[in-house]
């Protein structure tokens, strides 16, 4: 297995800035890893970072029934609602967790708020 086979692509899809700020990330998993890993990291982040009432986070699979799984992470909010803290915590936890499993993260693009 070469290094590309063990790389998770985290692609910044951009942000919309109307009434709410909506940031989007695509997560592409290589073969050999399940989507459960991503869901577990999201759950850990949800339990660790308190979001204010206006912030929301969705993780949805974009290719149901296909393998390897692909996801879209959508983070929305308004003002100072801890969504950026949540996002940074998620990305750090994802990298830490995947490093333990001998996977790497290749982040394509960066958030407007980083």
N, C-alpha and C. Protein backbone atom coordinates (compact mmCIF):
# COMPACT_ATOMS: atom_id res chain seq x y z
N UNK A 1 0.86 -1.18 0.00
CA UNK A 1 0.00 0.00 0.00
C UNK A 1 0.90 1.24 0.00
N UNK A 2 0.72 2.16 -0.95
CA UNK A 2 1.54 3.36 -0.97
C UNK A 2 0.93 4.44 -0.07
N UNK A 3 1.66 5.55 0.11
CA UNK A 3 1.20 6.61 1.03
C UNK A 3 -0.12 7.23 0.60
N UNK A 4 -0.38 7.31 -0.71
CA UNK A 4 -1.64 7.90 -1.16
C UNK A 4 -2.83 7.05 -0.72
N UNK A 5 -2.61 5.75 -0.58
CA UNK A 5 -3.68 4.87 -0.14
C UNK A 5 -4.05 5.10 1.31
N UNK A 6 -3.23 5.79 2.06
CA UNK A 6 -3.47 6.01 3.49
C UNK A 6 -3.64 7.50 3.80
N UNK A 7 -4.14 8.23 2.82
CA UNK A 7 -4.31 9.67 2.99
C UNK A 7 -5.78 10.04 2.92
N UNK A 8 -6.21 10.78 3.92
CA UNK A 8 -7.57 11.32 3.96
C UNK A 8 -7.51 12.74 3.39
N UNK A 9 -8.37 13.02 2.44
CA UNK A 9 -8.41 14.36 1.85
C UNK A 9 -9.48 15.17 2.59
N UNK A 10 -9.06 16.29 3.14
CA UNK A 10 -9.97 17.24 3.80
C UNK A 10 -9.95 18.49 2.94
N UNK A 11 -11.02 18.72 2.19
CA UNK A 11 -11.06 19.79 1.20
C UNK A 11 -12.01 20.90 1.64
N UNK A 12 -11.47 22.11 1.74
CA UNK A 12 -12.29 23.27 2.10
C UNK A 12 -13.13 23.66 0.89
N UNK A 13 -14.43 23.69 1.05
CA UNK A 13 -15.34 24.01 -0.04
C UNK A 13 -15.79 25.46 -0.05
N UNK A 14 -15.44 26.21 1.00
CA UNK A 14 -15.79 27.61 1.04
C UNK A 14 -16.81 27.95 2.09
N UNK A 15 -17.14 29.23 2.13
CA UNK A 15 -18.10 29.74 3.11
C UNK A 15 -19.03 30.73 2.45
N UNK A 16 -20.26 30.70 2.88
CA UNK A 16 -21.26 31.67 2.43
C UNK A 16 -21.48 32.64 3.59
N UNK A 17 -21.65 33.92 3.28
CA UNK A 17 -21.69 34.95 4.32
C UNK A 17 -22.97 35.78 4.27
N UNK A 18 -24.11 35.15 4.18
CA UNK A 18 -25.34 35.95 4.20
C UNK A 18 -25.80 36.10 5.64
N UNK A 19 -27.03 35.78 5.97
CA UNK A 19 -27.51 35.92 7.35
C UNK A 19 -26.70 35.06 8.32
N UNK A 20 -26.43 33.83 7.90
CA UNK A 20 -25.59 32.93 8.68
C UNK A 20 -24.31 32.70 7.89
N UNK A 21 -23.26 32.38 8.60
CA UNK A 21 -22.03 31.96 7.94
C UNK A 21 -22.09 30.44 7.85
N UNK A 22 -21.91 29.91 6.66
CA UNK A 22 -21.98 28.47 6.43
C UNK A 22 -20.67 28.03 5.79
N UNK A 23 -19.87 27.25 6.54
CA UNK A 23 -18.61 26.73 6.04
C UNK A 23 -18.79 25.26 5.69
N UNK A 24 -18.10 24.83 4.63
CA UNK A 24 -18.24 23.44 4.18
C UNK A 24 -16.88 22.82 3.94
N UNK A 25 -16.77 21.56 4.33
CA UNK A 25 -15.58 20.73 4.11
C UNK A 25 -16.02 19.42 3.48
N UNK A 26 -15.27 18.93 2.53
CA UNK A 26 -15.47 17.59 1.99
C UNK A 26 -14.42 16.69 2.62
N UNK A 27 -14.83 15.47 2.97
CA UNK A 27 -13.91 14.50 3.56
C UNK A 27 -13.94 13.26 2.69
N UNK A 28 -12.80 12.95 2.09
CA UNK A 28 -12.68 11.78 1.22
C UNK A 28 -11.79 10.76 1.92
N UNK A 29 -12.33 9.58 2.14
CA UNK A 29 -11.59 8.53 2.84
C UNK A 29 -10.97 7.55 1.84
N UNK A 30 -9.77 7.06 2.14
CA UNK A 30 -9.19 6.03 1.29
C UNK A 30 -9.79 4.67 1.65
N UNK A 31 -9.56 3.69 0.81
CA UNK A 31 -10.00 2.34 1.14
C UNK A 31 -9.32 1.87 2.42
N UNK A 32 -10.00 1.01 3.16
CA UNK A 32 -9.40 0.47 4.37
C UNK A 32 -9.82 1.17 5.64
N UNK A 33 -10.53 2.26 5.53
CA UNK A 33 -10.99 2.97 6.72
C UNK A 33 -12.49 3.18 6.60
N UNK A 34 -13.17 3.03 7.72
CA UNK A 34 -14.63 3.17 7.68
C UNK A 34 -15.06 4.59 8.03
N UNK A 35 -16.26 4.92 7.65
CA UNK A 35 -16.82 6.22 8.02
C UNK A 35 -17.04 6.36 9.51
N UNK A 36 -17.09 5.23 10.22
CA UNK A 36 -17.29 5.27 11.67
C UNK A 36 -16.21 6.11 12.35
N UNK A 37 -15.02 6.09 11.83
CA UNK A 37 -13.92 6.88 12.41
C UNK A 37 -14.26 8.37 12.38
N UNK A 38 -14.81 8.84 11.27
CA UNK A 38 -15.17 10.26 11.13
C UNK A 38 -16.33 10.60 12.07
N UNK A 39 -17.33 9.73 12.12
CA UNK A 39 -18.49 9.94 12.99
C UNK A 39 -18.05 9.98 14.45
N UNK A 40 -17.14 9.10 14.85
CA UNK A 40 -16.65 9.09 16.23
C UNK A 40 -15.91 10.37 16.59
N UNK A 41 -15.11 10.89 15.66
CA UNK A 41 -14.40 12.15 15.91
C UNK A 41 -15.40 13.30 16.03
N UNK A 42 -16.43 13.30 15.19
CA UNK A 42 -17.46 14.34 15.30
C UNK A 42 -18.16 14.27 16.65
N UNK A 43 -18.53 13.07 17.08
CA UNK A 43 -19.19 12.91 18.38
C UNK A 43 -18.31 13.42 19.51
N UNK A 44 -17.01 13.08 19.46
CA UNK A 44 -16.09 13.54 20.50
C UNK A 44 -16.04 15.07 20.51
N UNK A 45 -15.97 15.67 19.33
CA UNK A 45 -15.91 17.14 19.24
C UNK A 45 -17.20 17.76 19.76
N UNK A 46 -18.35 17.16 19.42
CA UNK A 46 -19.63 17.66 19.92
C UNK A 46 -19.67 17.65 21.44
N UNK A 47 -19.10 16.62 22.06
CA UNK A 47 -19.10 16.50 23.52
C UNK A 47 -18.08 17.42 24.18
N UNK A 48 -17.06 17.83 23.42
CA UNK A 48 -15.96 18.62 23.99
C UNK A 48 -16.17 20.12 23.85
N UNK A 49 -16.74 20.55 22.74
CA UNK A 49 -16.90 21.98 22.45
C UNK A 49 -18.37 22.36 22.58
N UNK A 50 -18.66 23.32 23.44
CA UNK A 50 -20.02 23.82 23.61
C UNK A 50 -20.31 24.87 22.54
N UNK A 51 -21.24 24.54 21.66
CA UNK A 51 -21.68 25.51 20.66
C UNK A 51 -22.79 26.37 21.24
N UNK A 52 -22.82 27.62 20.85
CA UNK A 52 -23.89 28.52 21.27
C UNK A 52 -25.16 28.16 20.48
N UNK A 53 -26.27 28.76 20.83
CA UNK A 53 -27.57 28.41 20.26
C UNK A 53 -27.67 28.63 18.75
N UNK A 54 -26.91 29.55 18.20
CA UNK A 54 -27.04 29.83 16.77
C UNK A 54 -26.16 28.92 15.90
N UNK A 55 -25.26 28.17 16.49
CA UNK A 55 -24.34 27.33 15.71
C UNK A 55 -24.88 25.91 15.53
N UNK A 56 -24.64 25.34 14.36
CA UNK A 56 -25.06 23.97 14.06
C UNK A 56 -23.97 23.29 13.24
N UNK A 57 -23.87 21.97 13.40
CA UNK A 57 -22.90 21.18 12.63
C UNK A 57 -23.62 19.96 12.09
N UNK A 58 -23.43 19.70 10.79
CA UNK A 58 -23.98 18.50 10.15
C UNK A 58 -22.85 17.74 9.49
N UNK A 59 -22.91 16.44 9.60
CA UNK A 59 -22.01 15.55 8.86
C UNK A 59 -22.90 14.64 8.05
N UNK A 60 -22.77 14.71 6.73
CA UNK A 60 -23.63 13.87 5.90
C UNK A 60 -22.78 13.12 4.88
N UNK A 61 -23.18 11.89 4.66
CA UNK A 61 -22.48 11.08 3.66
C UNK A 61 -22.98 11.50 2.29
N UNK A 62 -22.06 11.72 1.36
CA UNK A 62 -22.44 12.21 0.04
C UNK A 62 -22.49 11.11 -1.01
N UNK A 63 -22.05 9.89 -0.66
CA UNK A 63 -22.07 8.79 -1.62
C UNK A 63 -22.60 7.50 -0.98
N UNK A 64 -23.84 7.52 -0.49
CA UNK A 64 -24.39 6.33 0.17
C UNK A 64 -24.27 5.09 -0.70
N UNK A 65 -23.87 4.00 -0.07
CA UNK A 65 -23.77 2.73 -0.77
C UNK A 65 -22.48 2.53 -1.55
N UNK A 66 -21.68 3.56 -1.68
CA UNK A 66 -20.40 3.45 -2.39
C UNK A 66 -19.26 3.33 -1.40
N UNK A 67 -18.14 2.81 -1.87
CA UNK A 67 -16.97 2.66 -1.03
C UNK A 67 -15.76 3.15 -1.81
N UNK A 68 -14.85 3.86 -1.20
CA UNK A 68 -14.86 4.30 0.19
C UNK A 68 -15.83 5.46 0.40
N UNK A 69 -16.27 5.65 1.64
CA UNK A 69 -17.25 6.70 1.92
C UNK A 69 -16.67 8.11 1.74
N UNK A 70 -17.55 9.03 1.38
CA UNK A 70 -17.23 10.46 1.30
C UNK A 70 -18.26 11.21 2.12
N UNK A 71 -17.81 12.28 2.77
CA UNK A 71 -18.68 13.05 3.65
C UNK A 71 -18.57 14.53 3.33
N UNK A 72 -19.59 15.26 3.76
CA UNK A 72 -19.54 16.71 3.74
C UNK A 72 -19.83 17.19 5.16
N UNK A 73 -18.97 18.05 5.66
CA UNK A 73 -19.13 18.64 6.98
C UNK A 73 -19.59 20.07 6.78
N UNK A 74 -20.74 20.41 7.35
CA UNK A 74 -21.32 21.74 7.20
C UNK A 74 -21.41 22.37 8.59
N UNK A 75 -20.85 23.56 8.72
CA UNK A 75 -20.83 24.26 10.01
C UNK A 75 -21.46 25.63 9.78
N UNK A 76 -22.51 25.94 10.52
CA UNK A 76 -23.16 27.24 10.32
C UNK A 76 -23.32 27.96 11.64
N UNK A 77 -23.38 29.25 11.55
CA UNK A 77 -23.57 30.04 12.76
C UNK A 77 -23.55 31.53 12.45
N UNK A 78 -23.55 32.28 13.53
CA UNK A 78 -23.61 33.73 13.42
C UNK A 78 -22.83 34.31 14.59
N UNK A 79 -21.96 35.24 14.31
CA UNK A 79 -21.24 35.92 15.39
C UNK A 79 -20.28 35.01 16.14
N UNK A 80 -20.13 35.27 17.42
CA UNK A 80 -19.21 34.51 18.28
C UNK A 80 -19.98 33.36 18.91
N UNK A 81 -20.00 32.22 18.21
CA UNK A 81 -20.82 31.09 18.67
C UNK A 81 -20.03 29.80 18.83
N UNK A 82 -18.71 29.90 18.80
CA UNK A 82 -17.80 28.77 19.00
C UNK A 82 -17.72 27.81 17.82
N UNK A 83 -18.29 28.17 16.67
CA UNK A 83 -18.21 27.25 15.53
C UNK A 83 -16.77 27.11 15.03
N UNK A 84 -15.97 28.16 15.08
CA UNK A 84 -14.57 28.07 14.65
C UNK A 84 -13.76 27.22 15.62
N UNK A 85 -14.06 27.35 16.92
CA UNK A 85 -13.41 26.50 17.91
C UNK A 85 -13.77 25.04 17.65
N UNK A 86 -15.04 24.79 17.34
CA UNK A 86 -15.48 23.43 17.04
C UNK A 86 -14.72 22.88 15.83
N UNK A 87 -14.65 23.66 14.78
CA UNK A 87 -14.00 23.24 13.53
C UNK A 87 -12.52 22.94 13.76
N UNK A 88 -11.82 23.84 14.45
CA UNK A 88 -10.40 23.60 14.73
C UNK A 88 -10.22 22.36 15.59
N UNK A 89 -11.08 22.18 16.58
CA UNK A 89 -11.01 21.00 17.45
C UNK A 89 -11.26 19.73 16.65
N UNK A 90 -12.25 19.75 15.76
CA UNK A 90 -12.55 18.60 14.92
C UNK A 90 -11.34 18.24 14.05
N UNK A 91 -10.77 19.23 13.39
CA UNK A 91 -9.64 18.96 12.50
C UNK A 91 -8.43 18.44 13.26
N UNK A 92 -8.17 19.00 14.44
CA UNK A 92 -7.06 18.53 15.27
C UNK A 92 -7.31 17.11 15.76
N UNK A 93 -8.52 16.84 16.23
CA UNK A 93 -8.86 15.50 16.71
C UNK A 93 -8.81 14.48 15.58
N UNK A 94 -9.27 14.88 14.40
CA UNK A 94 -9.23 13.99 13.24
C UNK A 94 -7.78 13.63 12.90
N UNK A 95 -6.93 14.63 12.86
CA UNK A 95 -5.52 14.38 12.54
C UNK A 95 -4.87 13.49 13.61
N UNK A 96 -5.11 13.77 14.87
CA UNK A 96 -4.54 12.97 15.96
C UNK A 96 -5.02 11.53 15.88
N UNK A 97 -6.32 11.35 15.71
CA UNK A 97 -6.90 10.00 15.64
C UNK A 97 -6.37 9.23 14.43
N UNK A 98 -6.31 9.87 13.29
CA UNK A 98 -5.85 9.19 12.09
C UNK A 98 -4.36 8.89 12.13
N UNK A 99 -3.57 9.76 12.76
CA UNK A 99 -2.14 9.47 12.92
C UNK A 99 -1.93 8.20 13.73
N UNK A 100 -2.75 8.00 14.76
CA UNK A 100 -2.66 6.77 15.56
C UNK A 100 -2.94 5.53 14.71
N UNK A 101 -3.81 5.69 13.71
CA UNK A 101 -4.15 4.58 12.82
C UNK A 101 -3.21 4.51 11.61
N UNK A 102 -2.18 5.36 11.61
CA UNK A 102 -1.18 5.42 10.52
C UNK A 102 -1.74 5.97 9.21
N UNK A 103 -2.74 6.86 9.33
CA UNK A 103 -3.26 7.59 8.18
C UNK A 103 -2.83 9.03 8.28
N UNK A 104 -2.71 9.69 7.16
CA UNK A 104 -2.36 11.11 7.17
C UNK A 104 -3.54 11.93 6.62
N UNK A 105 -3.50 13.21 6.89
CA UNK A 105 -4.53 14.14 6.42
C UNK A 105 -3.87 15.08 5.41
N UNK A 106 -4.48 15.25 4.28
CA UNK A 106 -4.03 16.21 3.28
C UNK A 106 -5.13 17.27 3.16
N UNK A 107 -4.90 18.43 3.78
CA UNK A 107 -5.90 19.50 3.75
C UNK A 107 -5.71 20.34 2.49
N UNK A 108 -6.75 20.41 1.69
CA UNK A 108 -6.75 21.18 0.45
C UNK A 108 -7.53 22.46 0.69
N UNK A 109 -6.86 23.57 0.66
CA UNK A 109 -7.53 24.85 0.92
C UNK A 109 -7.58 25.14 2.40
N UNK A 110 -7.85 26.37 2.73
CA UNK A 110 -7.94 26.75 4.14
C UNK A 110 -9.14 27.66 4.35
N UNK A 111 -9.62 27.60 5.54
CA UNK A 111 -10.80 28.36 5.93
C UNK A 111 -10.52 29.85 5.92
N UNK A 112 -11.53 30.63 5.57
CA UNK A 112 -11.42 32.08 5.59
C UNK A 112 -11.15 32.61 6.99
N UNK A 113 -11.51 31.84 8.02
CA UNK A 113 -11.42 32.31 9.40
C UNK A 113 -10.19 31.78 10.14
N UNK A 114 -9.37 30.94 9.47
CA UNK A 114 -8.15 30.41 10.12
C UNK A 114 -7.08 31.46 10.17
